[in-house]
Amino acid sequence: QPNHLSSLLSWSIIAAGWLLQRRPARWWSMPMTFSVVLMVFAMALSASRTGWIAIAMIAGWAAFDTRLPRRVRILLGLTPVLYVLSWLGLTLLQREQSLAS
């Protein structure tokens, strides 16, 4: 179910933000950032409207919670941009696939 996947991915993004907030200077901060980007891309792949709402709420969390470190606020605040870029990339890929066949 796309909605279930989207909900799980949104909780995973929230958990990654929390972990980056608690342990900011660890060796795994770059892989964790990359995993957030992949999770946002997977949310776009799910094509779930629940994902849109979750991304907006995550961006709202980043915008209004001033206790978050600057890096985490930027990463979580960019999730709508990443989502839109993923969606556009998938749309272009689908268009190219339909033209090729």
C-alpha atoms as a PDB file:
ATOM      1  CA  GLN A   1       0.000   0.000   0.000  1.00  0.00           C
ATOM      2  CA  PRO A   2       1.466   3.364  -1.036  1.00  0.00           C
ATOM      3  CA  ASN A   3       0.030   5.221   1.965  1.00  0.00           C
ATOM      4  CA  HIS A   4       1.577   2.780   4.412  1.00  0.00           C
ATOM      5  CA  LEU A   5       4.959   3.045   2.713  1.00  0.00           C
ATOM      6  CA  SER A   6       4.735   6.827   2.693  1.00  0.00           C
ATOM      7  CA  SER A   7       3.867   6.912   6.400  1.00  0.00           C
ATOM      8  CA  LEU A   8       6.785   4.655   7.278  1.00  0.00           C
ATOM      9  CA  LEU A   9       9.175   6.722   5.174  1.00  0.00           C
ATOM     10  CA  SER A  10       7.990   9.944   6.810  1.00  0.00           C
ATOM     11  CA  TRP A  11       8.618   8.465  10.270  1.00  0.00           C
ATOM     12  CA  SER A  12      12.053   7.375   9.047  1.00  0.00           C
ATOM     13  CA  ILE A  13      12.847  10.930   7.949  1.00  0.00           C
ATOM     14  CA  ILE A  14      11.697  12.246  11.322  1.00  0.00           C
ATOM     15  CA  ALA A  15      13.878   9.670  13.103  1.00  0.00           C
ATOM     16  CA  ALA A  16      16.870  10.629  10.958  1.00  0.00           C
ATOM     17  CA  GLY A  17      16.343  14.295  11.849  1.00  0.00           C
ATOM     18  CA  TRP A  18      16.155  13.424  15.519  1.00  0.00           C
ATOM     19  CA  LEU A  19      19.326  11.325  15.320  1.00  0.00           C
ATOM     20  CA  LEU A  20      21.182  14.091  13.505  1.00  0.00           C
ATOM     21  CA  GLN A  21      20.032  16.505  16.208  1.00  0.00           C
ATOM     22  CA  ARG A  22      21.221  14.284  19.053  1.00  0.00           C
ATOM     23  CA  ARG A  23      24.522  13.177  17.540  1.00  0.00           C
ATOM     24  CA  PRO A  24      25.545  15.914  15.061  1.00  0.00           C
ATOM     25  CA  ALA A  25      29.279  15.311  14.733  1.00  0.00           C
ATOM     26  CA  ARG A  26      29.355  11.588  14.093  1.00  0.00           C
ATOM     27  CA  TRP A  27      30.889   9.854  11.096  1.00  0.00           C
ATOM     28  CA  TRP A  28      27.450   8.757   9.916  1.00  0.00           C
ATOM     29  CA  SER A  29      25.959  12.229   9.438  1.00  0.00           C
ATOM     30  CA  MET A  30      26.724  12.218   5.696  1.00  0.00           C
ATOM     31  CA  PRO A  31      25.256   8.728   5.078  1.00  0.00           C
ATOM     32  CA  MET A  32      22.229   9.747   7.159  1.00  0.00           C
ATOM     33  CA  THR A  33      21.768  12.832   4.985  1.00  0.00           C
ATOM     34  CA  PHE A  34      22.010  10.683   1.872  1.00  0.00           C
ATOM     35  CA  SER A  35      19.427   8.291   3.319  1.00  0.00           C
ATOM     36  CA  VAL A  36      17.011  11.179   3.897  1.00  0.00           C
ATOM     37  CA  VAL A  37      17.384  12.151   0.231  1.00  0.00           C
ATOM     38  CA  LEU A  38      16.693   8.545  -0.790  1.00  0.00           C
ATOM     39  CA  MET A  39      13.660   8.338   1.509  1.00  0.00           C
ATOM     40  CA  VAL A  40      12.198  11.506  -0.009  1.00  0.00           C
ATOM     41  CA  PHE A  41      12.755  10.035  -3.475  1.00  0.00           C
ATOM     42  CA  ALA A  42      11.023   6.826  -2.384  1.00  0.00           C
ATOM     43  CA  MET A  43       8.091   8.908  -1.123  1.00  0.00           C
ATOM     44  CA  ALA A  44       7.818  10.465  -4.569  1.00  0.00           C
ATOM     45  CA  LEU A  45       7.915   6.986  -6.101  1.00  0.00           C
ATOM     46  CA  SER A  46       5.009   5.903  -3.904  1.00  0.00           C
ATOM     47  CA  ALA A  47       2.799   8.641  -5.446  1.00  0.00           C
ATOM     48  CA  SER A  48       0.883   8.914  -2.203  1.00  0.00           C
ATOM     49  CA  ARG A  49      -0.972  12.063  -1.202  1.00  0.00           C
ATOM     50  CA  THR A  50      -0.103  11.179   2.374  1.00  0.00           C
ATOM     51  CA  GLY A  51       3.510  11.843   1.411  1.00  0.00           C
ATOM     52  CA  TRP A  52       2.654  15.392   0.369  1.00  0.00           C
ATOM     53  CA  ILE A  53       1.143  16.098   3.771  1.00  0.00           C
ATOM     54  CA  ALA A  54       4.038  14.455   5.606  1.00  0.00           C
ATOM     55  CA  ILE A  55       6.622  16.440   3.646  1.00  0.00           C
ATOM     56  CA  ALA A  56       4.764  19.674   4.441  1.00  0.00           C
ATOM     57  CA  MET A  57       4.649  18.780   8.135  1.00  0.00           C
ATOM     58  CA  ILE A  58       8.358  17.907   8.195  1.00  0.00           C
ATOM     59  CA  ALA A  59       9.179  21.231   6.526  1.00  0.00           C
ATOM     60  CA  GLY A  60       6.958  22.980   9.075  1.00  0.00           C
ATOM     61  CA  TRP A  61       8.839  21.273  11.874  1.00  0.00           C
ATOM     62  CA  ALA A  62      12.101  22.530  10.401  1.00  0.00           C
ATOM     63  CA  ALA A  63      10.729  26.047   9.990  1.00  0.00           C
ATOM     64  CA  PHE A  64       9.277  26.495  13.469  1.00  0.00           C
ATOM     65  CA  ASP A  65      11.488  24.439  15.796  1.00  0.00           C
ATOM     66  CA  THR A  66      14.383  26.741  16.598  1.00  0.00           C
ATOM     67  CA  ARG A  67      16.013  24.134  18.857  1.00  0.00           C
ATOM     68  CA  LEU A  68      17.071  22.090  15.834  1.00  0.00           C
ATOM     69  CA  PRO A  69      20.671  22.571  14.705  1.00  0.00           C
ATOM     70  CA  ARG A  70      21.095  24.653  11.578  1.00  0.00           C
ATOM     71  CA  ARG A  71      22.197  21.677   9.424  1.00  0.00           C
ATOM     72  CA  VAL A  72      19.160  19.636  10.404  1.00  0.00           C
ATOM     73  CA  ARG A  73      16.808  22.569   9.791  1.00  0.00           C
ATOM     74  CA  ILE A  74      18.272  23.039   6.319  1.00  0.00           C
ATOM     75  CA  LEU A  75      18.046  19.317   5.494  1.00  0.00           C
ATOM     76  CA  LEU A  76      14.470  18.956   6.707  1.00  0.00           C
ATOM     77  CA  GLY A  77      13.484  22.313   5.243  1.00  0.00           C
ATOM     78  CA  LEU A  78      14.697  21.204   1.822  1.00  0.00           C
ATOM     79  CA  THR A  79      12.513  18.084   1.788  1.00  0.00           C
ATOM     80  CA  PRO A  80       9.741  19.797  -0.251  1.00  0.00           C
ATOM     81  CA  VAL A  81      12.323  20.879  -2.826  1.00  0.00           C
ATOM     82  CA  LEU A  82      13.740  17.355  -2.970  1.00  0.00           C
ATOM     83  CA  TYR A  83      10.231  15.946  -3.316  1.00  0.00           C
ATOM     84  CA  VAL A  84       9.344  18.265  -6.206  1.00  0.00           C
ATOM     85  CA  LEU A  85      12.651  17.567  -7.961  1.00  0.00           C
ATOM     86  CA  SER A  86      12.088  13.832  -7.544  1.00  0.00           C
ATOM     87  CA  TRP A  87       8.557  14.139  -8.887  1.00  0.00           C
ATOM     88  CA  LEU A  88       9.729  16.164 -11.893  1.00  0.00           C
ATOM     89  CA  GLY A  89      12.547  13.713 -12.566  1.00  0.00           C
ATOM     90  CA  LEU A  90      10.131  10.798 -12.490  1.00  0.00           C
ATOM     91  CA  THR A  91       7.755  12.644 -14.823  1.00  0.00           C
ATOM     92  CA  LEU A  92      10.564  13.309 -17.301  1.00  0.00           C
ATOM     93  CA  LEU A  93      11.700   9.697 -17.084  1.00  0.00           C
ATOM     94  CA  GLN A  94       8.172   8.487 -17.805  1.00  0.00           C
ATOM     95  CA  ARG A  95       7.905  10.861 -20.756  1.00  0.00           C
ATOM     96  CA  GLU A  96      11.214   9.608 -22.176  1.00  0.00           C
ATOM     97  CA  GLN A  97      10.107   6.004 -21.747  1.00  0.00           C
ATOM     98  CA  SER A  98       6.831   6.645 -23.572  1.00  0.00           C
ATOM     99  CA  LEU A  99       8.643   8.387 -26.448  1.00  0.00           C
ATOM    100  CA  ALA A 100      11.140   5.553 -26.768  1.00  0.00           C
ATOM    101  CA  SER A 101       8.451   2.916 -27.249  1.00  0.00           C
END
